[in-house]
Amino acid sequence: MAANPSVLLIHGGAGWGSDRRQLARLRSSLRTICAASYDSLRHHSALESVVAAVQQLEDDPLFNAGT
């Protein structure tokens, strides 16, 4: 039996409106954060990878995710 694949979901918030350029920037940033965090799963625990994803969201000026 094959191993269960890992799944990583991140949420960038809600209420961004319909500005296509802004939405494109948000989606691009989310893809980058998700890819980096998913890659982190190869070398780190799930908890460490989730923490890394949250830190990246907090550090991204497009999101109001904490700091």
Protein backbone atom coordinates (compact mmCIF):
# COMPACT_ATOMS: atom_id res chain seq x y z
CA MET A 1 0.00 0.00 0.00
CA ALA A 2 1.31 3.46 -0.89
CA ALA A 3 2.00 6.00 1.80
CA ASN A 4 -0.57 8.72 2.32
CA PRO A 5 0.43 11.89 0.51
CA SER A 6 1.00 14.99 2.58
CA VAL A 7 -1.43 17.86 2.23
CA LEU A 8 -0.73 21.43 3.23
CA LEU A 9 -3.42 24.11 3.22
CA ILE A 10 -2.90 27.76 3.98
CA HIS A 11 -5.46 30.55 4.12
CA GLY A 12 -4.63 34.12 3.28
CA GLY A 13 -7.75 35.71 4.68
CA ALA A 14 -11.00 36.92 3.17
CA GLY A 15 -12.51 40.07 1.77
CA TRP A 16 -9.88 41.01 -0.76
CA GLY A 17 -12.39 42.41 -3.25
CA SER A 18 -12.06 42.13 -6.99
CA ASP A 19 -8.83 44.00 -7.84
CA ARG A 20 -7.25 41.51 -10.25
CA ARG A 21 -3.69 42.78 -9.74
CA GLN A 22 -3.98 42.55 -5.97
CA LEU A 23 -5.50 39.08 -6.21
CA ALA A 24 -2.66 37.96 -8.51
CA ARG A 25 -0.07 39.22 -5.98
CA LEU A 26 -1.87 37.48 -3.13
CA ARG A 27 -2.14 34.19 -5.01
CA SER A 28 1.51 34.35 -6.05
CA SER A 29 2.59 34.94 -2.47
CA LEU A 30 0.37 32.11 -1.19
CA ARG A 31 1.82 29.74 -3.81
CA THR A 32 5.35 30.67 -2.78
CA ILE A 33 4.62 30.20 0.92
CA CYS A 34 2.79 26.92 0.31
CA ALA A 35 5.59 25.53 -1.89
CA ALA A 36 8.27 26.44 0.63
CA SER A 37 6.28 24.98 3.52
CA TYR A 38 5.47 21.79 1.62
CA ASP A 39 9.15 21.41 0.77
CA SER A 40 9.89 21.86 4.47
CA LEU A 41 7.95 18.64 5.13
CA ARG A 42 10.78 16.69 3.48
CA HIS A 43 13.23 17.74 6.19
CA HIS A 44 11.15 18.78 9.19
CA SER A 45 8.16 17.67 11.20
CA ALA A 46 4.63 18.70 10.28
CA LEU A 47 4.56 21.05 13.27
CA GLU A 48 7.79 22.76 12.23
CA SER A 49 6.49 23.12 8.68
CA VAL A 50 3.22 24.66 9.86
CA VAL A 51 5.10 27.08 12.10
CA ALA A 52 7.26 28.06 9.13
CA ALA A 53 4.15 28.70 7.01
CA VAL A 54 2.59 30.91 9.70
CA GLN A 55 5.84 32.84 10.12
CA GLN A 56 5.98 33.47 6.39
CA LEU A 57 2.37 34.73 6.40
CA GLU A 58 3.19 36.98 9.35
CA ASP A 59 6.26 38.36 7.56
CA ASP A 60 4.44 39.00 4.27
CA PRO A 61 3.15 42.60 4.12
CA LEU A 62 0.19 41.49 1.97
CA PHE A 63 -1.36 39.64 4.91
CA ASN A 64 -2.46 40.84 8.30
CA ALA A 65 -1.33 37.66 10.02
CA GLY A 66 0.15 38.82 13.27
CA THR A 67 3.32 40.84 13.39
